Amino acid sequence: MCFKTSTLALLLMIALSASADIYRCQADNGQWVFTDRGCTRGMGEQIELSTQLTTQRLKAAGLSEAERLALTNLEKRLAKSRATRLKESQRVSRRIRKDREIRQKSCMLASLQIAEIQHQKRNGYKLADANKLDQQKRKFQAIKKANCS
């Protein structure tokens, strides 16, 4: 049973990779095996499966009812998995865009603050504020370095 499940999983992975040529071959023990490499000893037939499994295609492929049911169930599970991966991918993409926007805003604000500090230094400041202005400028330069590409 485990061999058949892994064989069906392999078949579906091959079919999902592209419109691949799939061969249904009879093994030495009489069971049907699916492969993308062709059958040895001429015992087998070529079937074509696309990424969307339909009842007509499964019937046309000459699969037994049990094989059709197993492939259909596997396709349903994989479709849910694909939908979950798509949602996760979209969530990650949104997060990346949001992070990029935050970095751009931080970069712009740091640049503005540096320009303001430089303007203040050019126009004069109290000697007591010199260290504070230098610390602020270094802080904003570090923010700019971290967020500006």
C-alpha atoms as a PDB file:
ATOM      1  CA  MET A   1       0.000   0.000   0.000  1.00  0.00           C
ATOM      2  CA  CYS A   2       2.856   2.374   0.875  1.00  0.00           C
ATOM      3  CA  PHE A   3       4.558   1.572  -2.450  1.00  0.00           C
ATOM      4  CA  LYS A   4       1.390   2.413  -4.343  1.00  0.00           C
ATOM      5  CA  THR A   5       0.908   5.685  -2.441  1.00  0.00           C
ATOM      6  CA  SER A   6       4.484   6.764  -3.112  1.00  0.00           C
ATOM      7  CA  THR A   7       4.109   5.754  -6.751  1.00  0.00           C
ATOM      8  CA  LEU A   8       0.956   7.834  -7.090  1.00  0.00           C
ATOM      9  CA  ALA A   9       2.637  10.764  -5.362  1.00  0.00           C
ATOM     10  CA  LEU A  10       5.563  10.486  -7.777  1.00  0.00           C
ATOM     11  CA  LEU A  11       3.153  10.367 -10.702  1.00  0.00           C
ATOM     12  CA  LEU A  12       1.384  13.487  -9.576  1.00  0.00           C
ATOM     13  CA  MET A  13       4.626  15.371  -8.906  1.00  0.00           C
ATOM     14  CA  ILE A  14       5.810  14.507 -12.392  1.00  0.00           C
ATOM     15  CA  ALA A  15       2.486  15.529 -13.881  1.00  0.00           C
ATOM     16  CA  LEU A  16       2.516  18.816 -11.971  1.00  0.00           C
ATOM     17  CA  SER A  17       6.009  19.722 -13.103  1.00  0.00           C
ATOM     18  CA  ALA A  18       4.797  20.170 -16.667  1.00  0.00           C
ATOM     19  CA  SER A  19       2.731  18.406 -19.237  1.00  0.00           C
ATOM     20  CA  ALA A  20       5.110  15.476 -18.986  1.00  0.00           C
ATOM     21  CA  ASP A  21       4.894  12.118 -20.692  1.00  0.00           C
ATOM     22  CA  ILE A  22       3.835   9.589 -18.096  1.00  0.00           C
ATOM     23  CA  TYR A  23       4.130   5.862 -18.698  1.00  0.00           C
ATOM     24  CA  ARG A  24       2.001   3.255 -16.985  1.00  0.00           C
ATOM     25  CA  CYS A  25       4.126   0.115 -16.831  1.00  0.00           C
ATOM     26  CA  GLN A  26       3.465  -3.314 -15.413  1.00  0.00           C
ATOM     27  CA  ALA A  27       6.030  -4.422 -12.850  1.00  0.00           C
ATOM     28  CA  ASP A  28       7.304  -7.992 -12.428  1.00  0.00           C
ATOM     29  CA  ASN A  29       4.782  -8.624  -9.664  1.00  0.00           C
ATOM     30  CA  GLY A  30       1.898  -7.607 -11.954  1.00  0.00           C
ATOM     31  CA  GLN A  31       1.215  -4.210 -10.387  1.00  0.00           C
ATOM     32  CA  TRP A  32       1.054  -1.050 -12.440  1.00  0.00           C
ATOM     33  CA  VAL A  33       3.834   1.478 -11.912  1.00  0.00           C
ATOM     34  CA  PHE A  34       3.940   5.053 -13.204  1.00  0.00           C
ATOM     35  CA  THR A  35       7.156   6.574 -14.498  1.00  0.00           C
ATOM     36  CA  ASP A  36       8.397   9.372 -16.725  1.00  0.00           C
ATOM     37  CA  ARG A  37      11.232   7.296 -18.203  1.00  0.00           C
ATOM     38  CA  GLY A  38       9.259   4.800 -20.232  1.00  0.00           C
ATOM     39  CA  CYS A  39       8.644   1.124 -19.769  1.00  0.00           C
ATOM     40  CA  THR A  40      11.236  -1.603 -20.108  1.00  0.00           C
ATOM     41  CA  ARG A  41      10.368  -4.843 -21.904  1.00  0.00           C
ATOM     42  CA  GLY A  42       7.650  -3.013 -23.852  1.00  0.00           C
ATOM     43  CA  MET A  43       5.025  -3.687 -21.189  1.00  0.00           C
ATOM     44  CA  GLY A  44       3.170  -0.463 -20.779  1.00  0.00           C
ATOM     45  CA  GLU A  45       1.422   2.431 -22.337  1.00  0.00           C
ATOM     46  CA  GLN A  46       2.020   6.144 -22.515  1.00  0.00           C
ATOM     47  CA  ILE A  47      -0.570   8.331 -20.828  1.00  0.00           C
ATOM     48  CA  GLU A  48      -0.713  12.098 -20.628  1.00  0.00           C
ATOM     49  CA  LEU A  49      -1.758  13.937 -17.508  1.00  0.00           C
ATOM     50  CA  SER A  50      -1.846  17.682 -17.109  1.00  0.00           C
ATOM     51  CA  THR A  51      -1.668  19.715 -13.949  1.00  0.00           C
ATOM     52  CA  GLN A  52      -5.468  19.669 -13.736  1.00  0.00           C
ATOM     53  CA  LEU A  53      -6.711  16.134 -13.285  1.00  0.00           C
ATOM     54  CA  THR A  54     -10.182  15.593 -14.670  1.00  0.00           C
ATOM     55  CA  THR A  55     -12.382  12.528 -14.626  1.00  0.00           C
ATOM     56  CA  GLN A  56     -12.331  12.289 -18.432  1.00  0.00           C
ATOM     57  CA  ARG A  57      -8.535  12.414 -18.553  1.00  0.00           C
ATOM     58  CA  LEU A  58      -8.241   9.802 -15.840  1.00  0.00           C
ATOM     59  CA  LYS A  59     -10.672   7.504 -17.657  1.00  0.00           C
ATOM     60  CA  ALA A  60      -8.882   8.112 -20.948  1.00  0.00           C
ATOM     61  CA  ALA A  61      -5.605   7.208 -19.265  1.00  0.00           C
ATOM     62  CA  GLY A  62      -6.957   3.724 -18.567  1.00  0.00           C
ATOM     63  CA  LEU A  63      -6.564   3.920 -14.805  1.00  0.00           C
ATOM     64  CA  SER A  64      -8.572   1.716 -12.509  1.00  0.00           C
ATOM     65  CA  GLU A  65     -11.268   3.196 -10.278  1.00  0.00           C
ATOM     66  CA  ALA A  66      -9.001   2.892  -7.220  1.00  0.00           C
ATOM     67  CA  GLU A  67      -6.152   4.654  -9.040  1.00  0.00           C
ATOM     68  CA  ARG A  68      -8.482   7.424 -10.249  1.00  0.00           C
ATOM     69  CA  LEU A  69      -9.823   7.916  -6.740  1.00  0.00           C
ATOM     70  CA  ALA A  70      -6.322   8.004  -5.230  1.00  0.00           C
ATOM     71  CA  LEU A  71      -5.085  10.519  -7.808  1.00  0.00           C
ATOM     72  CA  THR A  72      -8.185  12.687  -7.425  1.00  0.00           C
ATOM     73  CA  ASN A  73      -7.846  12.737  -3.635  1.00  0.00           C
ATOM     74  CA  LEU A  74      -4.152  13.522  -3.916  1.00  0.00           C
ATOM     75  CA  GLU A  75      -4.882  16.357  -6.351  1.00  0.00           C
ATOM     76  CA  LYS A  76      -7.451  17.817  -3.928  1.00  0.00           C
ATOM     77  CA  ARG A  77      -4.948  17.720  -1.070  1.00  0.00           C
ATOM     78  CA  LEU A  78      -2.243  19.277  -3.235  1.00  0.00           C
ATOM     79  CA  ALA A  79      -4.650  21.978  -4.458  1.00  0.00           C
ATOM     80  CA  LYS A  80      -5.283  22.970  -0.839  1.00  0.00           C
ATOM     81  CA  SER A  81      -1.539  22.930  -0.221  1.00  0.00           C
ATOM     82  CA  ARG A  82      -0.955  25.131  -3.296  1.00  0.00           C
ATOM     83  CA  ALA A  83      -3.635  27.559  -2.104  1.00  0.00           C
ATOM     84  CA  THR A  84      -2.016  27.701   1.334  1.00  0.00           C
ATOM     85  CA  ARG A  85       1.428  28.308  -0.200  1.00  0.00           C
ATOM     86  CA  LEU A  86      -0.027  31.023  -2.443  1.00  0.00           C
ATOM     87  CA  LYS A  87      -1.628  32.802   0.517  1.00  0.00           C
ATOM     88  CA  GLU A  88       1.606  32.545   2.500  1.00  0.00           C
ATOM     89  CA  SER A  89       3.584  33.862  -0.468  1.00  0.00           C
ATOM     90  CA  GLN A  90       1.207  36.799  -0.831  1.00  0.00           C
ATOM     91  CA  ARG A  91       1.443  37.516   2.904  1.00  0.00           C
ATOM     92  CA  VAL A  92       5.245  37.491   2.740  1.00  0.00           C
ATOM     93  CA  SER A  93       5.193  39.748  -0.335  1.00  0.00           C
ATOM     94  CA  ARG A  94       2.952  42.242   1.454  1.00  0.00           C
ATOM     95  CA  ARG A  95       5.278  42.186   4.459  1.00  0.00           C
ATOM     96  CA  ILE A  96       8.333  42.766   2.247  1.00  0.00           C
ATOM     97  CA  ARG A  97       6.619  45.701   0.522  1.00  0.00           C
ATOM     98  CA  LYS A  98       5.614  47.174   3.879  1.00  0.00           C
ATOM     99  CA  ASP A  99       9.162  46.780   5.244  1.00  0.00           C
ATOM    100  CA  ARG A 100      10.560  48.403   2.098  1.00  0.00           C
ATOM    101  CA  GLU A 101       8.184  51.362   2.509  1.00  0.00           C
ATOM    102  CA  ILE A 102       9.162  51.725   6.169  1.00  0.00           C
ATOM    103  CA  ARG A 103      12.861  51.684   5.233  1.00  0.00           C
ATOM    104  CA  GLN A 104      12.306  54.299   2.525  1.00  0.00           C
ATOM    105  CA  LYS A 105      10.457  56.552   4.975  1.00  0.00           C
ATOM    106  CA  SER A 106      13.176  56.085   7.604  1.00  0.00           C
ATOM    107  CA  CYS A 107      15.817  56.921   5.022  1.00  0.00           C
ATOM    108  CA  MET A 108      13.992  60.057   3.939  1.00  0.00           C
ATOM    109  CA  LEU A 109      13.362  61.223   7.509  1.00  0.00           C
ATOM    110  CA  ALA A 110      16.976  60.593   8.514  1.00  0.00           C
ATOM    111  CA  SER A 111      18.187  62.569   5.485  1.00  0.00           C
ATOM    112  CA  LEU A 112      15.871  65.450   6.407  1.00  0.00           C
ATOM    113  CA  GLN A 113      17.047  65.433  10.019  1.00  0.00           C
ATOM    114  CA  ILE A 114      20.708  65.435   8.942  1.00  0.00           C
ATOM    115  CA  ALA A 115      20.013  68.358   6.619  1.00  0.00           C
ATOM    116  CA  GLU A 116      18.251  70.210   9.437  1.00  0.00           C
ATOM    117  CA  ILE A 117      21.173  69.633  11.837  1.00  0.00           C
ATOM    118  CA  GLN A 118      23.661  70.835   9.207  1.00  0.00           C
ATOM    119  CA  HIS A 119      21.502  73.913   8.579  1.00  0.00           C
ATOM    120  CA  GLN A 120      21.380  74.604  12.313  1.00  0.00           C
ATOM    121  CA  LYS A 121      25.182  74.266  12.563  1.00  0.00           C
ATOM    122  CA  ARG A 122      25.717  76.659   9.640  1.00  0.00           C
ATOM    123  CA  ASN A 123      23.365  79.264  11.117  1.00  0.00           C
ATOM    124  CA  GLY A 124      24.919  79.124  14.559  1.00  0.00           C
ATOM    125  CA  TYR A 125      24.215  77.290  17.773  1.00  0.00           C
ATOM    126  CA  LYS A 126      25.126  77.418  21.418  1.00  0.00           C
ATOM    127  CA  LEU A 127      28.413  75.823  22.347  1.00  0.00           C
ATOM    128  CA  ALA A 128      26.595  73.720  24.980  1.00  0.00           C
ATOM    129  CA  ASP A 129      24.488  72.135  22.178  1.00  0.00           C
ATOM    130  CA  ALA A 130      27.517  71.040  20.087  1.00  0.00           C
ATOM    131  CA  ASN A 131      27.808  67.532  21.561  1.00  0.00           C
ATOM    132  CA  LYS A 132      24.043  66.995  21.404  1.00  0.00           C
ATOM    133  CA  LEU A 133      23.923  68.008  17.715  1.00  0.00           C
ATOM    134  CA  ASP A 134      26.896  65.760  16.888  1.00  0.00           C
ATOM    135  CA  GLN A 135      25.262  62.792  18.648  1.00  0.00           C
ATOM    136  CA  GLN A 136      21.989  63.402  16.832  1.00  0.00           C
ATOM    137  CA  LYS A 137      23.782  63.653  13.497  1.00  0.00           C
ATOM    138  CA  ARG A 138      25.654  60.370  14.125  1.00  0.00           C
ATOM    139  CA  LYS A 139      22.389  58.674  15.127  1.00  0.00           C
ATOM    140  CA  PHE A 140      20.630  59.822  11.946  1.00  0.00           C
ATOM    141  CA  GLN A 141      23.649  58.884   9.809  1.00  0.00           C
ATOM    142  CA  ALA A 142      23.478  55.354  11.251  1.00  0.00           C
ATOM    143  CA  ILE A 143      19.742  55.198  10.469  1.00  0.00           C
ATOM    144  CA  LYS A 144      20.429  56.466   6.946  1.00  0.00           C
ATOM    145  CA  LYS A 145      23.215  53.938   6.432  1.00  0.00           C
ATOM    146  CA  ALA A 146      20.962  51.095   7.593  1.00  0.00           C
ATOM    147  CA  ASN A 147      17.917  52.087   5.526  1.00  0.00           C
ATOM    148  CA  CYS A 148      19.190  53.787   2.380  1.00  0.00           C
ATOM    149  CA  SER A 149      20.465  51.592  -0.406  1.00  0.00           C
END
